[in-house]
C-alpha atoms as a PDB file:
ATOM      1  CA  UNK A   1       0.000   0.000   0.000  1.00  0.00           C
ATOM      2  CA  UNK A   2       1.249   3.494  -0.852  1.00  0.00           C
ATOM      3  CA  UNK A   3       2.103   6.094   1.751  1.00  0.00           C
ATOM      4  CA  UNK A   4      -0.983   8.080   0.727  1.00  0.00           C
ATOM      5  CA  UNK A   5      -3.132   4.983   1.233  1.00  0.00           C
ATOM      6  CA  UNK A   6      -1.621   4.395   4.675  1.00  0.00           C
ATOM      7  CA  UNK A   7      -2.283   7.987   5.632  1.00  0.00           C
ATOM      8  CA  UNK A   8      -5.881   7.742   4.442  1.00  0.00           C
ATOM      9  CA  UNK A   9      -6.474   4.621   6.556  1.00  0.00           C
ATOM     10  CA  UNK A  10      -4.906   6.309   9.590  1.00  0.00           C
ATOM     11  CA  UNK A  11      -7.016   9.441   9.039  1.00  0.00           C
ATOM     12  CA  UNK A  12     -10.219   7.392   8.811  1.00  0.00           C
ATOM     13  CA  UNK A  13      -9.343   5.458  11.964  1.00  0.00           C
ATOM     14  CA  UNK A  14      -8.504   8.677  13.838  1.00  0.00           C
ATOM     15  CA  UNK A  15     -11.826  10.195  12.758  1.00  0.00           C
ATOM     16  CA  UNK A  16     -13.662   7.092  13.964  1.00  0.00           C
ATOM     17  CA  UNK A  17     -11.888   7.195  17.316  1.00  0.00           C
ATOM     18  CA  UNK A  18     -12.593  10.925  17.673  1.00  0.00           C
ATOM     19  CA  UNK A  19     -16.295  10.406  16.960  1.00  0.00           C
ATOM     20  CA  UNK A  20     -16.428   7.537  19.475  1.00  0.00           C
ATOM     21  CA  UNK A  21     -14.682   9.706  22.069  1.00  0.00           C
ATOM     22  CA  UNK A  22     -17.161  12.537  21.514  1.00  0.00           C
ATOM     23  CA  UNK A  23     -20.067  10.134  21.953  1.00  0.00           C
ATOM     24  CA  UNK A  24     -18.583   8.703  25.139  1.00  0.00           C
ATOM     25  CA  UNK A  25     -18.036  12.236  26.486  1.00  0.00           C
ATOM     26  CA  UNK A  26     -21.682  13.103  25.812  1.00  0.00           C
ATOM     27  CA  UNK A  27     -22.782   9.919  27.588  1.00  0.00           C
ATOM     28  CA  UNK A  28     -20.638  10.751  30.634  1.00  0.00           C
ATOM     29  CA  UNK A  29     -21.959  14.313  30.749  1.00  0.00           C
ATOM     30  CA  UNK A  30     -25.530  13.014  30.585  1.00  0.00           C
ATOM     31  CA  UNK A  31     -24.821  10.481  33.344  1.00  0.00           C
ATOM     32  CA  UNK A  32     -23.317  13.244  35.490  1.00  0.00           C
ATOM     33  CA  UNK A  33     -26.393  15.455  35.003  1.00  0.00           C
ATOM     34  CA  UNK A  34     -28.684  12.555  35.878  1.00  0.00           C
ATOM     35  CA  UNK A  35     -26.630  11.796  39.015  1.00  0.00           C
ATOM     36  CA  UNK A  36     -26.774  15.419  40.137  1.00  0.00           C
ATOM     37  CA  UNK A  37     -30.528  15.619  39.548  1.00  0.00           C
ATOM     38  CA  UNK A  38     -31.107  12.321  41.364  1.00  0.00           C
ATOM     39  CA  UNK A  39     -29.053  13.366  44.388  1.00  0.00           C
ATOM     40  CA  UNK A  40     -30.751  16.768  44.529  1.00  0.00           C
ATOM     41  CA  UNK A  41     -34.202  15.147  44.506  1.00  0.00           C
ATOM     42  CA  UNK A  42     -33.166  12.437  46.947  1.00  0.00           C
ATOM     43  CA  UNK A  43     -31.641  15.005  49.287  1.00  0.00           C
ATOM     44  CA  UNK A  44     -34.862  17.009  49.329  1.00  0.00           C
ATOM     45  CA  UNK A  45     -36.978  13.917  50.002  1.00  0.00           C
ATOM     46  CA  UNK A  46     -34.695  12.783  52.839  1.00  0.00           C
ATOM     47  CA  UNK A  47     -34.076  16.148  54.470  1.00  0.00           C
ATOM     48  CA  UNK A  48     -37.763  16.970  54.850  1.00  0.00           C
ATOM     49  CA  UNK A  49     -38.624  14.033  57.175  1.00  0.00           C
ATOM     50  CA  UNK A  50     -35.231  14.201  58.912  1.00  0.00           C
ATOM     51  CA  UNK A  51     -35.701  17.882  59.718  1.00  0.00           C
ATOM     52  CA  UNK A  52     -39.173  17.009  61.026  1.00  0.00           C
ATOM     53  CA  UNK A  53     -37.613  14.384  63.310  1.00  0.00           C
ATOM     54  CA  UNK A  54     -35.086  16.971  64.524  1.00  0.00           C
ATOM     55  CA  UNK A  55     -37.826  19.513  65.191  1.00  0.00           C
ATOM     56  CA  UNK A  56     -40.123  17.139  67.036  1.00  0.00           C
ATOM     57  CA  UNK A  57     -37.250  15.697  69.080  1.00  0.00           C
ATOM     58  CA  UNK A  58     -36.202  19.199  70.093  1.00  0.00           C
ATOM     59  CA  UNK A  59     -39.772  20.011  71.180  1.00  0.00           C
ATOM     60  CA  UNK A  60     -40.122  16.785  73.168  1.00  0.00           C
ATOM     61  CA  UNK A  61     -36.799  17.371  74.905  1.00  0.00           C
ATOM     62  CA  UNK A  62     -37.723  20.945  75.786  1.00  0.00           C
ATOM     63  CA  UNK A  63     -41.197  20.088  77.087  1.00  0.00           C
ATOM     64  CA  UNK A  64     -40.442  16.859  78.953  1.00  0.00           C
ATOM     65  CA  UNK A  65     -36.856  17.108  80.190  1.00  0.00           C
ATOM     66  CA  UNK A  66     -37.976  17.597  83.802  1.00  0.00           C
ATOM     67  CA  UNK A  67     -40.721  14.950  83.589  1.00  0.00           C
ATOM     68  CA  UNK A  68     -39.008  11.860  82.129  1.00  0.00           C
ATOM     69  CA  UNK A  69     -36.214   9.618  83.338  1.00  0.00           C
ATOM     70  CA  UNK A  70     -32.618  10.631  82.548  1.00  0.00           C
ATOM     71  CA  UNK A  71     -32.225   7.513  80.377  1.00  0.00           C
ATOM     72  CA  UNK A  72     -35.147   8.581  78.192  1.00  0.00           C
ATOM     73  CA  UNK A  73     -33.651  12.050  77.844  1.00  0.00           C
ATOM     74  CA  UNK A  74     -30.349  10.461  76.844  1.00  0.00           C
ATOM     75  CA  UNK A  75     -32.082   8.335  74.204  1.00  0.00           C
ATOM     76  CA  UNK A  76     -33.839  11.382  72.753  1.00  0.00           C
ATOM     77  CA  UNK A  77     -30.520  13.225  72.591  1.00  0.00           C
ATOM     78  CA  UNK A  78     -29.019  10.253  70.728  1.00  0.00           C
ATOM     79  CA  UNK A  79     -31.878  10.377  68.212  1.00  0.00           C
ATOM     80  CA  UNK A  80     -31.269  14.094  67.779  1.00  0.00           C
ATOM     81  CA  UNK A  81     -27.494  13.638  67.284  1.00  0.00           C
ATOM     82  CA  UNK A  82     -27.920  10.760  64.820  1.00  0.00           C
ATOM     83  CA  UNK A  83     -30.502  12.676  62.787  1.00  0.00           C
ATOM     84  CA  UNK A  84     -28.293  15.758  62.710  1.00  0.00           C
ATOM     85  CA  UNK A  85     -25.428  13.559  61.481  1.00  0.00           C
ATOM     86  CA  UNK A  86     -27.586  12.186  58.652  1.00  0.00           C
ATOM     87  CA  UNK A  87     -28.668  15.668  57.585  1.00  0.00           C
ATOM     88  CA  UNK A  88     -25.012  16.743  57.583  1.00  0.00           C
ATOM     89  CA  UNK A  89     -24.037  13.765  55.447  1.00  0.00           C
ATOM     90  CA  UNK A  90     -26.800  14.503  52.927  1.00  0.00           C
ATOM     91  CA  UNK A  91     -25.819  18.174  52.711  1.00  0.00           C
ATOM     92  CA  UNK A  92     -22.132  17.320  52.296  1.00  0.00           C
ATOM     93  CA  UNK A  93     -22.854  14.754  49.571  1.00  0.00           C
ATOM     94  CA  UNK A  94     -24.975  17.273  47.685  1.00  0.00           C
ATOM     95  CA  UNK A  95     -22.262  19.939  48.031  1.00  0.00           C
ATOM     96  CA  UNK A  96     -19.663  17.546  46.617  1.00  0.00           C
ATOM     97  CA  UNK A  97     -21.924  16.561  43.727  1.00  0.00           C
ATOM     98  CA  UNK A  98     -22.456  20.203  42.782  1.00  0.00           C
ATOM     99  CA  UNK A  99     -18.710  20.807  42.858  1.00  0.00           C
ATOM    100  CA  UNK A 100     -18.030  17.748  40.684  1.00  0.00           C
ATOM    101  CA  UNK A 101     -20.659  18.909  38.193  1.00  0.00           C
ATOM    102  CA  UNK A 102     -18.939  22.302  37.916  1.00  0.00           C
ATOM    103  CA  UNK A 103     -21.917  24.094  39.403  1.00  0.00           C
ATOM    104  CA  UNK A 104     -19.935  26.161  41.897  1.00  0.00           C
ATOM    105  CA  UNK A 105     -20.653  29.851  41.413  1.00  0.00           C
ATOM    106  CA  UNK A 106     -18.286  32.282  43.095  1.00  0.00           C
ATOM    107  CA  UNK A 107     -20.118  35.323  44.472  1.00  0.00           C
ATOM    108  CA  UNK A 108     -17.421  37.670  45.715  1.00  0.00           C
ATOM    109  CA  UNK A 109     -17.935  40.508  48.148  1.00  0.00           C
ATOM    110  CA  UNK A 110     -15.910  42.592  50.595  1.00  0.00           C
ATOM    111  CA  UNK A 111     -15.087  40.933  53.908  1.00  0.00           C
ATOM    112  CA  UNK A 112     -13.375  41.921  57.130  1.00  0.00           C
ATOM    113  CA  UNK A 113     -11.708  38.614  58.032  1.00  0.00           C
ATOM    114  CA  UNK A 114     -11.642  39.288  61.779  1.00  0.00           C
ATOM    115  CA  UNK A 115     -15.433  39.327  62.074  1.00  0.00           C
ATOM    116  CA  UNK A 116     -15.774  36.047  60.177  1.00  0.00           C
ATOM    117  CA  UNK A 117     -13.063  34.378  62.264  1.00  0.00           C
ATOM    118  CA  UNK A 118     -14.766  35.475  65.496  1.00  0.00           C
ATOM    119  CA  UNK A 119     -18.057  34.017  64.288  1.00  0.00           C
ATOM    120  CA  UNK A 120     -16.439  30.694  63.351  1.00  0.00           C
ATOM    121  CA  UNK A 121     -14.622  30.414  66.688  1.00  0.00           C
ATOM    122  CA  UNK A 122     -17.871  31.063  68.580  1.00  0.00           C
ATOM    123  CA  UNK A 123     -19.581  28.352  66.528  1.00  0.00           C
ATOM    124  CA  UNK A 124     -17.050  25.593  67.293  1.00  0.00           C
ATOM    125  CA  UNK A 125     -16.056  26.600  70.842  1.00  0.00           C
ATOM    126  CA  UNK A 126     -18.937  24.695  72.501  1.00  0.00           C
ATOM    127  CA  UNK A 127     -17.724  21.519  70.768  1.00  0.00           C
ATOM    128  CA  UNK A 128     -14.186  21.720  72.155  1.00  0.00           C
ATOM    129  CA  UNK A 129     -13.053  19.404  74.936  1.00  0.00           C
ATOM    130  CA  UNK A 130     -12.522  20.869  78.402  1.00  0.00           C
ATOM    131  CA  UNK A 131      -9.102  22.441  78.630  1.00  0.00           C
ATOM    132  CA  UNK A 132      -8.702  23.039  74.896  1.00  0.00           C
ATOM    133  CA  UNK A 133      -7.932  26.677  74.135  1.00  0.00           C
ATOM    134  CA  UNK A 134      -9.168  28.234  70.880  1.00  0.00           C
ATOM    135  CA  UNK A 135      -7.820  31.571  69.742  1.00  0.00           C
ATOM    136  CA  UNK A 136      -6.961  33.612  66.656  1.00  0.00           C
ATOM    137  CA  UNK A 137      -3.866  35.629  65.819  1.00  0.00           C
ATOM    138  CA  UNK A 138      -4.461  38.021  62.936  1.00  0.00           C
ATOM    139  CA  UNK A 139      -1.996  40.680  61.717  1.00  0.00           C
ATOM    140  CA  UNK A 140      -2.826  44.313  62.481  1.00  0.00           C
ATOM    141  CA  UNK A 141      -4.158  46.392  59.619  1.00  0.00           C
ATOM    142  CA  UNK A 142      -5.424  43.387  57.677  1.00  0.00           C
ATOM    143  CA  UNK A 143      -7.021  44.788  54.496  1.00  0.00           C
ATOM    144  CA  UNK A 144     -10.529  43.797  53.424  1.00  0.00           C
ATOM    145  CA  UNK A 145     -10.713  40.653  51.332  1.00  0.00           C
ATOM    146  CA  UNK A 146     -12.787  40.160  48.210  1.00  0.00           C
ATOM    147  CA  UNK A 147     -13.914  36.547  48.435  1.00  0.00           C
ATOM    148  CA  UNK A 148     -16.999  34.361  48.427  1.00  0.00           C
ATOM    149  CA  UNK A 149     -17.906  34.859  52.074  1.00  0.00           C
ATOM    150  CA  UNK A 150     -20.219  31.852  52.335  1.00  0.00           C
ATOM    151  CA  UNK A 151     -17.628  29.471  50.911  1.00  0.00           C
ATOM    152  CA  UNK A 152     -14.799  30.835  53.048  1.00  0.00           C
ATOM    153  CA  UNK A 153     -17.079  30.477  56.080  1.00  0.00           C
ATOM    154  CA  UNK A 154     -17.716  26.832  55.155  1.00  0.00           C
ATOM    155  CA  UNK A 155     -13.990  26.110  54.727  1.00  0.00           C
ATOM    156  CA  UNK A 156     -13.032  27.687  58.054  1.00  0.00           C
ATOM    157  CA  UNK A 157     -15.817  25.865  59.911  1.00  0.00           C
ATOM    158  CA  UNK A 158     -14.623  22.583  58.389  1.00  0.00           C
ATOM    159  CA  UNK A 159     -11.015  23.217  59.395  1.00  0.00           C
ATOM    160  CA  UNK A 160     -11.841  24.407  62.917  1.00  0.00           C
ATOM    161  CA  UNK A 161     -14.414  21.648  63.437  1.00  0.00           C
ATOM    162  CA  UNK A 162     -11.885  19.068  62.296  1.00  0.00           C
ATOM    163  CA  UNK A 163      -9.283  20.477  64.684  1.00  0.00           C
ATOM    164  CA  UNK A 164     -11.736  20.409  67.595  1.00  0.00           C
ATOM    165  CA  UNK A 165     -12.736  16.828  66.839  1.00  0.00           C
ATOM    166  CA  UNK A 166      -9.172  15.516  66.969  1.00  0.00           C
ATOM    167  CA  UNK A 167      -7.800  17.666  69.797  1.00  0.00           C
ATOM    168  CA  UNK A 168      -8.424  16.470  73.346  1.00  0.00           C
ATOM    169  CA  UNK A 169      -6.022  18.848  75.071  1.00  0.00           C
ATOM    170  CA  UNK A 170      -3.806  21.803  74.257  1.00  0.00           C
ATOM    171  CA  UNK A 171      -4.509  24.577  71.778  1.00  0.00           C
ATOM    172  CA  UNK A 172      -6.124  25.339  68.448  1.00  0.00           C
ATOM    173  CA  UNK A 173      -4.890  28.519  66.795  1.00  0.00           C
ATOM    174  CA  UNK A 174      -6.063  30.278  63.649  1.00  0.00           C
ATOM    175  CA  UNK A 175      -3.608  32.772  62.203  1.00  0.00           C
ATOM    176  CA  UNK A 176      -3.236  34.675  58.947  1.00  0.00           C
ATOM    177  CA  UNK A 177      -0.445  36.236  56.910  1.00  0.00           C
ATOM    178  CA  UNK A 178      -0.341  38.250  53.687  1.00  0.00           C
ATOM    179  CA  UNK A 179       2.134  38.035  50.821  1.00  0.00           C
ATOM    180  CA  UNK A 180       2.307  38.277  47.010  1.00  0.00           C
ATOM    181  CA  UNK A 181      -1.343  39.199  46.605  1.00  0.00           C
ATOM    182  CA  UNK A 182      -2.505  36.192  48.615  1.00  0.00           C
ATOM    183  CA  UNK A 183      -3.673  35.544  52.144  1.00  0.00           C
ATOM    184  CA  UNK A 184      -2.642  32.407  53.985  1.00  0.00           C
ATOM    185  CA  UNK A 185      -4.911  31.225  56.795  1.00  0.00           C
ATOM    186  CA  UNK A 186      -3.534  28.482  59.020  1.00  0.00           C
ATOM    187  CA  UNK A 187      -5.423  26.333  61.502  1.00  0.00           C
ATOM    188  CA  UNK A 188      -2.966  24.597  63.821  1.00  0.00           C
ATOM    189  CA  UNK A 189      -3.932  22.084  66.485  1.00  0.00           C
ATOM    190  CA  UNK A 190      -2.151  19.976  69.094  1.00  0.00           C
ATOM    191  CA  UNK A 191      -4.276  16.922  68.348  1.00  0.00           C
ATOM    192  CA  UNK A 192      -3.578  13.315  67.423  1.00  0.00           C
ATOM    193  CA  UNK A 193      -1.933  14.121  64.100  1.00  0.00           C
ATOM    194  CA  UNK A 194      -2.179  12.312  60.761  1.00  0.00           C
ATOM    195  CA  UNK A 195      -0.015   9.376  59.608  1.00  0.00           C
ATOM    196  CA  UNK A 196       2.265  10.255  56.660  1.00  0.00           C
ATOM    197  CA  UNK A 197       0.485   7.807  54.348  1.00  0.00           C
ATOM    198  CA  UNK A 198      -2.869   9.482  55.099  1.00  0.00           C
ATOM    199  CA  UNK A 199      -1.794  13.109  54.751  1.00  0.00           C
ATOM    200  CA  UNK A 200      -3.039  13.488  51.177  1.00  0.00           C
ATOM    201  CA  UNK A 201      -5.793  10.876  51.468  1.00  0.00           C
ATOM    202  CA  UNK A 202      -7.702  12.976  54.034  1.00  0.00           C
ATOM    203  CA  UNK A 203      -8.645  15.309  51.161  1.00  0.00           C
ATOM    204  CA  UNK A 204     -10.329  12.455  49.265  1.00  0.00           C
ATOM    205  CA  UNK A 205     -14.036  11.693  49.482  1.00  0.00           C
ATOM    206  CA  UNK A 206     -15.185   9.530  52.409  1.00  0.00           C
ATOM    207  CA  UNK A 207     -11.630   9.106  53.714  1.00  0.00           C
ATOM    208  CA  UNK A 208     -11.035   8.921  57.462  1.00  0.00           C
ATOM    209  CA  UNK A 209      -7.745   8.973  59.367  1.00  0.00           C
ATOM    210  CA  UNK A 210      -9.211   6.015  61.256  1.00  0.00           C
ATOM    211  CA  UNK A 211     -11.694   4.164  59.046  1.00  0.00           C
ATOM    212  CA  UNK A 212     -12.274   1.248  61.421  1.00  0.00           C
ATOM    213  CA  UNK A 213     -15.707   0.451  62.843  1.00  0.00           C
ATOM    214  CA  UNK A 214     -14.347   1.177  66.320  1.00  0.00           C
ATOM    215  CA  UNK A 215     -12.999   4.636  65.533  1.00  0.00           C
ATOM    216  CA  UNK A 216     -13.414   7.158  68.323  1.00  0.00           C
ATOM    217  CA  UNK A 217     -14.086  10.139  66.059  1.00  0.00           C
ATOM    218  CA  UNK A 218     -17.155  10.408  63.856  1.00  0.00           C
ATOM    219  CA  UNK A 219     -17.631  12.329  60.647  1.00  0.00           C
ATOM    220  CA  UNK A 220     -18.657  11.936  57.032  1.00  0.00           C
ATOM    221  CA  UNK A 221     -15.185  11.962  55.505  1.00  0.00           C
ATOM    222  CA  UNK A 222     -16.327  14.740  53.147  1.00  0.00           C
ATOM    223  CA  UNK A 223     -15.463  17.963  54.996  1.00  0.00           C
ATOM    224  CA  UNK A 224     -11.831  18.270  53.907  1.00  0.00           C
ATOM    225  CA  UNK A 225     -12.578  17.091  50.363  1.00  0.00           C
ATOM    226  CA  UNK A 226     -15.208  19.810  50.012  1.00  0.00           C
ATOM    227  CA  UNK A 227     -12.963  22.423  51.658  1.00  0.00           C
ATOM    228  CA  UNK A 228     -10.103  21.773  49.208  1.00  0.00           C
ATOM    229  CA  UNK A 229     -12.396  21.856  46.176  1.00  0.00           C
ATOM    230  CA  UNK A 230     -13.990  25.101  47.325  1.00  0.00           C
ATOM    231  CA  UNK A 231     -10.517  26.584  47.883  1.00  0.00           C
ATOM    232  CA  UNK A 232      -9.499  25.629  44.340  1.00  0.00           C
ATOM    233  CA  UNK A 233     -12.759  27.004  42.915  1.00  0.00           C
ATOM    234  CA  UNK A 234     -11.778  30.360  44.448  1.00  0.00           C
ATOM    235  CA  UNK A 235      -8.319  30.232  42.879  1.00  0.00           C
ATOM    236  CA  UNK A 236      -6.586  28.979  46.019  1.00  0.00           C
ATOM    237  CA  UNK A 237      -5.273  25.814  47.611  1.00  0.00           C
ATOM    238  CA  UNK A 238      -5.554  23.837  50.847  1.00  0.00           C
ATOM    239  CA  UNK A 239      -2.665  21.721  52.133  1.00  0.00           C
ATOM    240  CA  UNK A 240      -1.695  20.037  55.388  1.00  0.00           C
ATOM    241  CA  UNK A 241       1.384  19.139  57.397  1.00  0.00           C
ATOM    242  CA  UNK A 242       1.226  16.890  60.425  1.00  0.00           C
ATOM    243  CA  UNK A 243       3.092  14.715  62.878  1.00  0.00           C
ATOM    244  CA  UNK A 244       1.558  11.845  64.820  1.00  0.00           C
ATOM    245  CA  UNK A 245       0.988  12.728  68.452  1.00  0.00           C
ATOM    246  CA  UNK A 246       2.033  16.349  67.862  1.00  0.00           C
ATOM    247  CA  UNK A 247      -0.738  17.903  65.815  1.00  0.00           C
ATOM    248  CA  UNK A 248      -1.665  19.181  62.371  1.00  0.00           C
ATOM    249  CA  UNK A 249      -1.598  22.458  60.482  1.00  0.00           C
ATOM    250  CA  UNK A 250      -3.950  23.101  57.576  1.00  0.00           C
ATOM    251  CA  UNK A 251      -3.018  26.058  55.369  1.00  0.00           C
ATOM    252  CA  UNK A 252      -5.576  27.768  53.136  1.00  0.00           C
ATOM    253  CA  UNK A 253      -4.150  30.073  50.455  1.00  0.00           C
ATOM    254  CA  UNK A 254      -6.486  32.456  48.622  1.00  0.00           C
ATOM    255  CA  UNK A 255      -6.107  35.543  46.438  1.00  0.00           C
ATOM    256  CA  UNK A 256      -6.703  38.707  48.447  1.00  0.00           C
ATOM    257  CA  UNK A 257      -8.997  39.954  45.690  1.00  0.00           C
ATOM    258  CA  UNK A 258     -11.027  37.384  43.773  1.00  0.00           C
ATOM    259  CA  UNK A 259     -11.427  38.114  40.062  1.00  0.00           C
ATOM    260  CA  UNK A 260     -13.023  36.078  37.313  1.00  0.00           C
ATOM    261  CA  UNK A 261     -10.555  34.141  35.118  1.00  0.00           C
ATOM    262  CA  UNK A 262      -9.442  36.491  32.359  1.00  0.00           C
ATOM    263  CA  UNK A 263     -10.624  39.552  34.287  1.00  0.00           C
ATOM    264  CA  UNK A 264      -8.095  42.335  34.422  1.00  0.00           C
END
């Protein structure tokens, strides 16, 4: 066969492969849209009765706490905690699905970081073990940020909540520093630490430092995965360093001023 004949055969085969690849891509996109729609509908159907259970349990606890046995109160509190956990898992799964589908919209606005940090610390402080100190160390004269406030709030709550969960004594400190048009926010704890072989895996979906059935610390295994993906959606990054028995430091890097890709 001549060189021109060989080239024609190769061109035809490449065209066939390209067409097949396009068709497969369309099928995957359709499957992704169907998955997102299914999870959105499922989440709505599950959250409605679960929120009703939470509401009724809260009412029963409030109205009967002084009238029923302590064991019954304890059982109601367990129902409330388990239901809250399920709602959290559903919300986290839906968040991750939206991120995977590329449906993360960045809505940037001006933010004074100190106020947001104070709010996040107040939210997680009741969850901290006795004797654990939570505090922030922010530089003076910190300029306003232009970020997606809701997403930054979610990331910081994930990082602080994670630190609280794995710290039984010592300190948890949030600090910030500015350089090269970015802000770096660190959350450092004196908790149990992360094994070297798990340091990157903790950012994967449904990964746990301790995945055994007897693990002491609960969680969905989605918080850090969502936090990293939200950081990247805002043009930043989230990384971790850790030492077993010493503690962990999670560092969030974000542009000081969010701008759309291609925006001057």
